[in-house]
Amino acid sequence: MHKVGLLGPWARAWKSVRMASSGITRRDPLANKVAVVTASTDGIGLAIARRLAQDGAHVVISSRKQEKVDQAVAKLQGEGLSVTGTVCHVGKAEDRERLVTTAVKLHGGIDILVSNAAVNPVFKKLIDVTEEEWDKVLHINVKATAMMINAVVPEMEKRGGGSVVIVSSIAAFHPPPGLGSYCVSKTALLGLTKCLAIELDPKNIRVNCLHLDLSGLASARRMGEPEECAGIVSFLCSEDAS
């Protein structure tokens, strides 16, 4: 009896994960939530933005170029989704502030942040990475992520809590040759997640880190698809992951 009781919550949570990744979820689990997604005009970021909106959220997307923002917004709005967007280079404080301000002005607050922006400027041995290259990868992949989270936390507090998902990579655990600085930055995101999860728990803000494998690195069976990642992100942002 006791064993069943202990396993029950885990079994229900795992069922929700499986359903989320397959697209079989309860109706609008993110209804009326406001989500901000960085680097979300194509690829994984776009898939995540689409899924959050399909699950009921009002989504504010962003990227460095206005043209790409306009195209992505038009595409998702054409699918009947509640999506708006603005330019945001996450490495610039004024852009991060504009992204937060836009979401608050349009929708009254922020409940969800998906930090997806990252760069990989070099392909070389770690020992050969220059100081300038280190500065770029750590500034965008780690520091800007932390600063983006800092910017949304006050808005989440006003809503009584929220959810942050940091997009990392399986490369944090299994670094491929030539991507050393990128792998180090993705490993740092795991540490950032652990620290923030503890610090923000009293504020009712959950912090999770998704380590993607879209390269077949962890499994030779097949490559992952962006839509599969999006389902897991939606689950982590929902009350099913509370």
C-alpha atoms as a PDB file:
ATOM      1  CA  MET A   1       0.000   0.000   0.000  1.00  0.00           C
ATOM      2  CA  HIS A   2       2.747   2.433   0.965  1.00  0.00           C
ATOM      3  CA  LYS A   3       4.777   1.597  -2.120  1.00  0.00           C
ATOM      4  CA  VAL A   4       1.850   2.267  -4.393  1.00  0.00           C
ATOM      5  CA  GLY A   5       1.224   5.599  -2.659  1.00  0.00           C
ATOM      6  CA  LEU A   6       4.829   6.685  -3.117  1.00  0.00           C
ATOM      7  CA  LEU A   7       5.044   5.656  -6.729  1.00  0.00           C
ATOM      8  CA  GLY A   8       1.666   7.101  -7.657  1.00  0.00           C
ATOM      9  CA  PRO A   9       2.725  10.764  -8.067  1.00  0.00           C
ATOM     10  CA  TRP A  10       5.815   9.757 -10.065  1.00  0.00           C
ATOM     11  CA  ALA A  11       3.743   7.520 -12.306  1.00  0.00           C
ATOM     12  CA  ARG A  12       1.244  10.298 -12.958  1.00  0.00           C
ATOM     13  CA  ALA A  13       4.034  12.776 -13.705  1.00  0.00           C
ATOM     14  CA  TRP A  14       5.738  10.374 -16.110  1.00  0.00           C
ATOM     15  CA  LYS A  15       2.422   9.748 -17.858  1.00  0.00           C
ATOM     16  CA  SER A  16       2.060  13.513 -18.345  1.00  0.00           C
ATOM     17  CA  VAL A  17       5.568  13.686 -19.824  1.00  0.00           C
ATOM     18  CA  ARG A  18       4.801  10.899 -22.278  1.00  0.00           C
ATOM     19  CA  MET A  19       1.529  12.512 -23.277  1.00  0.00           C
ATOM     20  CA  ALA A  20       3.181  15.928 -23.707  1.00  0.00           C
ATOM     21  CA  SER A  21       5.920  14.609 -25.957  1.00  0.00           C
ATOM     22  CA  SER A  22       3.392  12.788 -28.121  1.00  0.00           C
ATOM     23  CA  GLY A  23       1.058  15.774 -28.392  1.00  0.00           C
ATOM     24  CA  ILE A  24      -1.730  14.075 -26.425  1.00  0.00           C
ATOM     25  CA  THR A  25      -2.435  16.498 -23.590  1.00  0.00           C
ATOM     26  CA  ARG A  26      -5.398  17.887 -21.749  1.00  0.00           C
ATOM     27  CA  ARG A  27      -6.990  20.892 -23.405  1.00  0.00           C
ATOM     28  CA  ASP A  28      -5.212  24.232 -22.984  1.00  0.00           C
ATOM     29  CA  PRO A  29      -2.949  23.371 -20.003  1.00  0.00           C
ATOM     30  CA  LEU A  30      -1.351  26.840 -20.356  1.00  0.00           C
ATOM     31  CA  ALA A  31      -4.572  28.822 -20.779  1.00  0.00           C
ATOM     32  CA  ASN A  32      -4.075  32.547 -20.077  1.00  0.00           C
ATOM     33  CA  LYS A  33      -0.392  32.108 -19.237  1.00  0.00           C
ATOM     34  CA  VAL A  34       2.052  34.606 -20.732  1.00  0.00           C
ATOM     35  CA  ALA A  35       5.238  33.108 -22.159  1.00  0.00           C
ATOM     36  CA  VAL A  36       8.444  34.749 -23.377  1.00  0.00           C
ATOM     37  CA  VAL A  37      10.715  32.666 -25.609  1.00  0.00           C
ATOM     38  CA  THR A  38      14.145  33.872 -26.716  1.00  0.00           C
ATOM     39  CA  ALA A  39      15.654  32.945 -30.100  1.00  0.00           C
ATOM     40  CA  SER A  40      12.259  31.710 -31.225  1.00  0.00           C
ATOM     41  CA  THR A  41      11.811  32.590 -34.891  1.00  0.00           C
ATOM     42  CA  ASP A  42      13.017  29.265 -36.273  1.00  0.00           C
ATOM     43  CA  GLY A  43      14.150  25.773 -35.315  1.00  0.00           C
ATOM     44  CA  ILE A  44      13.693  24.595 -31.734  1.00  0.00           C
ATOM     45  CA  GLY A  45      12.665  28.016 -30.451  1.00  0.00           C
ATOM     46  CA  LEU A  46       9.893  28.357 -33.016  1.00  0.00           C
ATOM     47  CA  ALA A  47       8.625  24.840 -32.279  1.00  0.00           C
ATOM     48  CA  ILE A  48       8.517  25.662 -28.569  1.00  0.00           C
ATOM     49  CA  ALA A  49       6.707  28.948 -29.160  1.00  0.00           C
ATOM     50  CA  ARG A  50       4.140  27.227 -31.363  1.00  0.00           C
ATOM     51  CA  ARG A  51       3.487  24.471 -28.830  1.00  0.00           C
ATOM     52  CA  LEU A  52       3.100  26.861 -25.897  1.00  0.00           C
ATOM     53  CA  ALA A  53       0.598  28.887 -27.925  1.00  0.00           C
ATOM     54  CA  GLN A  54      -1.244  25.741 -29.028  1.00  0.00           C
ATOM     55  CA  ASP A  55      -1.561  24.846 -25.358  1.00  0.00           C
ATOM     56  CA  GLY A  56      -3.229  28.166 -24.596  1.00  0.00           C
ATOM     57  CA  ALA A  57      -0.434  30.608 -23.742  1.00  0.00           C
ATOM     58  CA  HIS A  58      -0.007  34.129 -25.075  1.00  0.00           C
ATOM     59  CA  VAL A  59       3.524  33.936 -26.481  1.00  0.00           C
ATOM     60  CA  VAL A  60       6.005  36.731 -27.128  1.00  0.00           C
ATOM     61  CA  ILE A  61       8.737  35.557 -29.482  1.00  0.00           C
ATOM     62  CA  SER A  62      12.032  37.262 -30.265  1.00  0.00           C
ATOM     63  CA  SER A  63      15.241  37.177 -32.269  1.00  0.00           C
ATOM     64  CA  ARG A  64      17.943  39.592 -33.369  1.00  0.00           C
ATOM     65  CA  LYS A  65      16.372  40.544 -36.716  1.00  0.00           C
ATOM     66  CA  GLN A  66      13.049  42.328 -37.199  1.00  0.00           C
ATOM     67  CA  GLU A  67      12.431  40.590 -40.512  1.00  0.00           C
ATOM     68  CA  LYS A  68      12.621  37.156 -38.907  1.00  0.00           C
ATOM     69  CA  VAL A  69      10.365  38.262 -36.057  1.00  0.00           C
ATOM     70  CA  ASP A  70       7.769  39.579 -38.500  1.00  0.00           C
ATOM     71  CA  GLN A  71       7.840  36.377 -40.556  1.00  0.00           C
ATOM     72  CA  ALA A  72       7.491  34.098 -37.538  1.00  0.00           C
ATOM     73  CA  VAL A  73       4.696  36.158 -35.988  1.00  0.00           C
ATOM     74  CA  ALA A  74       2.777  36.174 -39.274  1.00  0.00           C
ATOM     75  CA  LYS A  75       3.227  32.419 -39.629  1.00  0.00           C
ATOM     76  CA  LEU A  76       1.999  31.583 -36.130  1.00  0.00           C
ATOM     77  CA  GLN A  77      -0.821  34.113 -36.156  1.00  0.00           C
ATOM     78  CA  GLY A  78      -1.865  32.553 -39.467  1.00  0.00           C
ATOM     79  CA  GLU A  79      -2.296  29.309 -37.550  1.00  0.00           C
ATOM     80  CA  GLY A  80      -4.724  31.072 -35.220  1.00  0.00           C
ATOM     81  CA  LEU A  81      -2.277  31.346 -32.328  1.00  0.00           C
ATOM     82  CA  SER A  82      -1.871  34.197 -29.832  1.00  0.00           C
ATOM     83  CA  VAL A  83       1.661  35.259 -30.726  1.00  0.00           C
ATOM     84  CA  THR A  84       3.414  38.620 -30.861  1.00  0.00           C
ATOM     85  CA  GLY A  85       7.091  39.447 -31.105  1.00  0.00           C
ATOM     86  CA  THR A  86       9.891  41.949 -30.775  1.00  0.00           C
ATOM     87  CA  VAL A  87      13.582  42.215 -31.596  1.00  0.00           C
ATOM     88  CA  CYS A  88      15.854  41.039 -28.791  1.00  0.00           C
ATOM     89  CA  HIS A  89      19.576  40.436 -28.832  1.00  0.00           C
ATOM     90  CA  VAL A  90      19.887  38.729 -25.450  1.00  0.00           C
ATOM     91  CA  GLY A  91      23.421  40.025 -25.034  1.00  0.00           C
ATOM     92  CA  LYS A  92      22.108  43.604 -24.847  1.00  0.00           C
ATOM     93  CA  ALA A  93      20.515  44.841 -21.631  1.00  0.00           C
ATOM     94  CA  GLU A  94      18.247  47.303 -23.441  1.00  0.00           C
ATOM     95  CA  ASP A  95      16.896  44.530 -25.669  1.00  0.00           C
ATOM     96  CA  ARG A  96      16.163  42.262 -22.713  1.00  0.00           C
ATOM     97  CA  GLU A  97      14.349  45.116 -21.008  1.00  0.00           C
ATOM     98  CA  ARG A  98      12.297  45.780 -24.146  1.00  0.00           C
ATOM     99  CA  LEU A  99      11.290  42.125 -24.385  1.00  0.00           C
ATOM    100  CA  VAL A 100      10.034  42.086 -20.798  1.00  0.00           C
ATOM    101  CA  THR A 101       8.300  45.445 -21.189  1.00  0.00           C
ATOM    102  CA  THR A 102       6.580  44.284 -24.374  1.00  0.00           C
ATOM    103  CA  ALA A 103       5.166  41.177 -22.709  1.00  0.00           C
ATOM    104  CA  VAL A 104       3.932  43.117 -19.688  1.00  0.00           C
ATOM    105  CA  LYS A 105       2.420  45.899 -21.784  1.00  0.00           C
ATOM    106  CA  LEU A 106       0.583  43.492 -24.086  1.00  0.00           C
ATOM    107  CA  HIS A 107      -0.514  40.853 -21.600  1.00  0.00           C
ATOM    108  CA  GLY A 108      -0.154  42.276 -18.099  1.00  0.00           C
ATOM    109  CA  GLY A 109       2.692  40.088 -16.844  1.00  0.00           C
ATOM    110  CA  ILE A 110       4.924  37.070 -17.420  1.00  0.00           C
ATOM    111  CA  ASP A 111       4.388  33.498 -16.230  1.00  0.00           C
ATOM    112  CA  ILE A 112       6.868  31.575 -18.372  1.00  0.00           C
ATOM    113  CA  LEU A 113      10.368  32.140 -19.713  1.00  0.00           C
ATOM    114  CA  VAL A 114      12.045  29.750 -22.130  1.00  0.00           C
ATOM    115  CA  SER A 115      15.689  30.752 -22.524  1.00  0.00           C
ATOM    116  CA  ASN A 116      16.742  29.275 -25.843  1.00  0.00           C
ATOM    117  CA  ALA A 117      19.288  31.775 -27.203  1.00  0.00           C
ATOM    118  CA  ALA A 118      22.836  30.492 -27.656  1.00  0.00           C
ATOM    119  CA  VAL A 119      25.859  30.812 -29.938  1.00  0.00           C
ATOM    120  CA  ASN A 120      28.620  28.495 -31.043  1.00  0.00           C
ATOM    121  CA  PRO A 121      31.150  30.802 -32.725  1.00  0.00           C
ATOM    122  CA  VAL A 122      34.107  28.423 -32.979  1.00  0.00           C
ATOM    123  CA  PHE A 123      34.991  24.873 -33.952  1.00  0.00           C
ATOM    124  CA  LYS A 124      38.438  24.144 -32.612  1.00  0.00           C
ATOM    125  CA  LYS A 125      40.341  22.501 -29.779  1.00  0.00           C
ATOM    126  CA  LEU A 126      39.550  24.012 -26.397  1.00  0.00           C
ATOM    127  CA  ILE A 127      43.177  24.940 -25.838  1.00  0.00           C
ATOM    128  CA  ASP A 128      43.068  27.083 -28.989  1.00  0.00           C
ATOM    129  CA  VAL A 129      39.984  29.133 -28.089  1.00  0.00           C
ATOM    130  CA  THR A 130      40.917  32.815 -27.805  1.00  0.00           C
ATOM    131  CA  GLU A 131      39.923  35.152 -24.987  1.00  0.00           C
ATOM    132  CA  GLU A 132      37.573  37.025 -27.317  1.00  0.00           C
ATOM    133  CA  GLU A 133      35.883  33.777 -28.353  1.00  0.00           C
ATOM    134  CA  TRP A 134      35.490  32.737 -24.714  1.00  0.00           C
ATOM    135  CA  ASP A 135      33.969  36.116 -23.918  1.00  0.00           C
ATOM    136  CA  LYS A 136      31.363  35.753 -26.670  1.00  0.00           C
ATOM    137  CA  VAL A 137      30.211  32.233 -25.900  1.00  0.00           C
ATOM    138  CA  LEU A 138      30.057  32.768 -22.131  1.00  0.00           C
ATOM    139  CA  HIS A 139      28.413  36.185 -22.469  1.00  0.00           C
ATOM    140  CA  ILE A 140      25.561  34.944 -24.661  1.00  0.00           C
ATOM    141  CA  ASN A 141      25.115  31.389 -23.458  1.00  0.00           C
ATOM    142  CA  VAL A 142      25.554  31.895 -19.710  1.00  0.00           C
ATOM    143  CA  LYS A 143      25.608  35.518 -18.561  1.00  0.00           C
ATOM    144  CA  ALA A 144      22.775  36.688 -20.838  1.00  0.00           C
ATOM    145  CA  THR A 145      20.662  33.725 -19.748  1.00  0.00           C
ATOM    146  CA  ALA A 146      21.151  34.666 -16.094  1.00  0.00           C
ATOM    147  CA  MET A 147      20.364  38.315 -16.808  1.00  0.00           C
ATOM    148  CA  MET A 148      17.235  37.406 -18.775  1.00  0.00           C
ATOM    149  CA  ILE A 149      15.985  35.351 -15.848  1.00  0.00           C
ATOM    150  CA  ASN A 150      16.773  38.211 -13.457  1.00  0.00           C
ATOM    151  CA  ALA A 151      14.657  40.503 -15.634  1.00  0.00           C
ATOM    152  CA  VAL A 152      11.531  38.308 -15.569  1.00  0.00           C
ATOM    153  CA  VAL A 153      11.588  37.180 -11.931  1.00  0.00           C
ATOM    154  CA  PRO A 154      10.011  40.401 -10.545  1.00  0.00           C
ATOM    155  CA  GLU A 155       7.141  40.041 -13.034  1.00  0.00           C
ATOM    156  CA  MET A 156       6.641  36.382 -12.110  1.00  0.00           C
ATOM    157  CA  GLU A 157       6.561  37.306  -8.435  1.00  0.00           C
ATOM    158  CA  LYS A 158       3.676  39.683  -9.134  1.00  0.00           C
ATOM    159  CA  ARG A 159       1.757  36.748 -10.630  1.00  0.00           C
ATOM    160  CA  GLY A 160       2.421  34.532  -7.623  1.00  0.00           C
ATOM    161  CA  GLY A 161       5.020  32.341  -9.350  1.00  0.00           C
ATOM    162  CA  GLY A 162       6.138  31.049 -12.697  1.00  0.00           C
ATOM    163  CA  SER A 163       8.253  28.630 -14.669  1.00  0.00           C
ATOM    164  CA  VAL A 164      11.676  29.010 -16.278  1.00  0.00           C
ATOM    165  CA  VAL A 165      13.063  26.490 -18.755  1.00  0.00           C
ATOM    166  CA  ILE A 166      16.691  26.812 -19.810  1.00  0.00           C
ATOM    167  CA  VAL A 167      17.543  25.047 -23.053  1.00  0.00           C
ATOM    168  CA  SER A 168      20.905  23.315 -22.823  1.00  0.00           C
ATOM    169  CA  SER A 169      22.436  20.380 -24.692  1.00  0.00           C
ATOM    170  CA  ILE A 170      23.466  16.777 -24.217  1.00  0.00           C
ATOM    171  CA  ALA A 171      26.924  18.138 -25.090  1.00  0.00           C
ATOM    172  CA  ALA A 172      27.114  19.249 -21.456  1.00  0.00           C
ATOM    173  CA  PHE A 173      27.486  15.556 -20.554  1.00  0.00           C
ATOM    174  CA  HIS A 174      29.036  14.112 -23.728  1.00  0.00           C
ATOM    175  CA  PRO A 175      31.226  16.816 -25.322  1.00  0.00           C
ATOM    176  CA  PRO A 176      32.022  16.177 -29.001  1.00  0.00           C
ATOM    177  CA  PRO A 177      35.420  17.186 -30.387  1.00  0.00           C
ATOM    178  CA  GLY A 178      35.804  20.775 -31.521  1.00  0.00           C
ATOM    179  CA  LEU A 179      32.968  22.201 -29.443  1.00  0.00           C
ATOM    180  CA  GLY A 180      34.766  22.610 -26.130  1.00  0.00           C
ATOM    181  CA  SER A 181      33.814  26.177 -25.251  1.00  0.00           C
ATOM    182  CA  TYR A 182      30.187  25.555 -26.249  1.00  0.00           C
ATOM    183  CA  CYS A 183      30.083  22.408 -24.109  1.00  0.00           C
ATOM    184  CA  VAL A 184      31.533  24.262 -21.121  1.00  0.00           C
ATOM    185  CA  SER A 185      28.857  26.944 -21.473  1.00  0.00           C
ATOM    186  CA  LYS A 186      26.107  24.335 -21.612  1.00  0.00           C
ATOM    187  CA  THR A 187      27.517  22.621 -18.523  1.00  0.00           C
ATOM    188  CA  ALA A 188      27.451  26.002 -16.774  1.00  0.00           C
ATOM    189  CA  LEU A 189      23.734  26.249 -17.538  1.00  0.00           C
ATOM    190  CA  LEU A 190      23.165  23.104 -15.514  1.00  0.00           C
ATOM    191  CA  GLY A 191      24.872  24.745 -12.545  1.00  0.00           C
ATOM    192  CA  LEU A 192      22.845  27.906 -13.102  1.00  0.00           C
ATOM    193  CA  THR A 193      19.654  25.839 -13.071  1.00  0.00           C
ATOM    194  CA  LYS A 194      20.552  24.107  -9.816  1.00  0.00           C
ATOM    195  CA  CYS A 195      21.360  27.365  -8.033  1.00  0.00           C
ATOM    196  CA  LEU A 196      18.316  29.247  -9.299  1.00  0.00           C
ATOM    197  CA  ALA A 197      15.959  26.342  -8.605  1.00  0.00           C
ATOM    198  CA  ILE A 198      16.913  26.589  -4.921  1.00  0.00           C
ATOM    199  CA  GLU A 199      16.905  30.394  -4.759  1.00  0.00           C
ATOM    200  CA  LEU A 200      13.613  30.872  -6.579  1.00  0.00           C
ATOM    201  CA  ASP A 201      11.658  28.044  -4.973  1.00  0.00           C
ATOM    202  CA  PRO A 202      10.440  30.291  -2.104  1.00  0.00           C
ATOM    203  CA  LYS A 203       9.014  32.608  -4.774  1.00  0.00           C
ATOM    204  CA  ASN A 204       7.069  29.696  -6.293  1.00  0.00           C
ATOM    205  CA  ILE A 205       9.169  29.877  -9.475  1.00  0.00           C
ATOM    206  CA  ARG A 206      10.283  26.550 -10.927  1.00  0.00           C
ATOM    207  CA  VAL A 207      13.546  26.335 -12.880  1.00  0.00           C
ATOM    208  CA  ASN A 208      14.293  23.394 -15.156  1.00  0.00           C
ATOM    209  CA  CYS A 209      16.985  22.641 -17.709  1.00  0.00           C
ATOM    210  CA  LEU A 210      16.325  20.705 -20.909  1.00  0.00           C
ATOM    211  CA  HIS A 211      19.359  18.954 -22.373  1.00  0.00           C
ATOM    212  CA  LEU A 212      18.631  18.403 -26.040  1.00  0.00           C
ATOM    213  CA  ASP A 213      20.021  15.760 -28.338  1.00  0.00           C
ATOM    214  CA  LEU A 214      19.116  16.579 -31.920  1.00  0.00           C
ATOM    215  CA  SER A 215      22.315  15.113 -33.330  1.00  0.00           C
ATOM    216  CA  GLY A 216      21.929  11.434 -32.531  1.00  0.00           C
ATOM    217  CA  LEU A 217      24.844  11.761 -30.083  1.00  0.00           C
ATOM    218  CA  ALA A 218      23.166   9.900 -27.233  1.00  0.00           C
ATOM    219  CA  SER A 219      21.308   7.413 -29.407  1.00  0.00           C
ATOM    220  CA  ALA A 220      22.104   6.169 -32.878  1.00  0.00           C
ATOM    221  CA  ARG A 221      18.490   5.108 -33.458  1.00  0.00           C
ATOM    222  CA  ARG A 222      17.400   8.463 -34.885  1.00  0.00           C
ATOM    223  CA  MET A 223      17.713  12.210 -34.477  1.00  0.00           C
ATOM    224  CA  GLY A 224      15.357  14.111 -32.211  1.00  0.00           C
ATOM    225  CA  GLU A 225      12.769  16.497 -33.628  1.00  0.00           C
ATOM    226  CA  PRO A 226      12.096  20.079 -32.422  1.00  0.00           C
ATOM    227  CA  GLU A 227       8.425  19.270 -31.865  1.00  0.00           C
ATOM    228  CA  GLU A 228       9.356  16.530 -29.401  1.00  0.00           C
ATOM    229  CA  CYS A 229      11.391  19.013 -27.390  1.00  0.00           C
ATOM    230  CA  ALA A 230       8.492  21.463 -27.493  1.00  0.00           C
ATOM    231  CA  GLY A 231       6.120  18.983 -25.870  1.00  0.00           C
ATOM    232  CA  ILE A 232       8.440  18.482 -22.919  1.00  0.00           C
ATOM    233  CA  VAL A 233       8.902  22.243 -22.498  1.00  0.00           C
ATOM    234  CA  SER A 234       5.133  22.740 -22.446  1.00  0.00           C
ATOM    235  CA  PHE A 235       4.827  20.070 -19.759  1.00  0.00           C
ATOM    236  CA  LEU A 236       7.535  21.698 -17.638  1.00  0.00           C
ATOM    237  CA  CYS A 237       5.733  25.046 -17.906  1.00  0.00           C
ATOM    238  CA  SER A 238       2.373  23.600 -16.899  1.00  0.00           C
ATOM    239  CA  GLU A 239       0.931  22.875 -13.467  1.00  0.00           C
ATOM    240  CA  ASP A 240       1.336  19.175 -14.256  1.00  0.00           C
ATOM    241  CA  ALA A 241       5.043  19.712 -13.500  1.00  0.00           C
ATOM    242  CA  SER A 242       4.433  21.495 -10.198  1.00  0.00           C
END
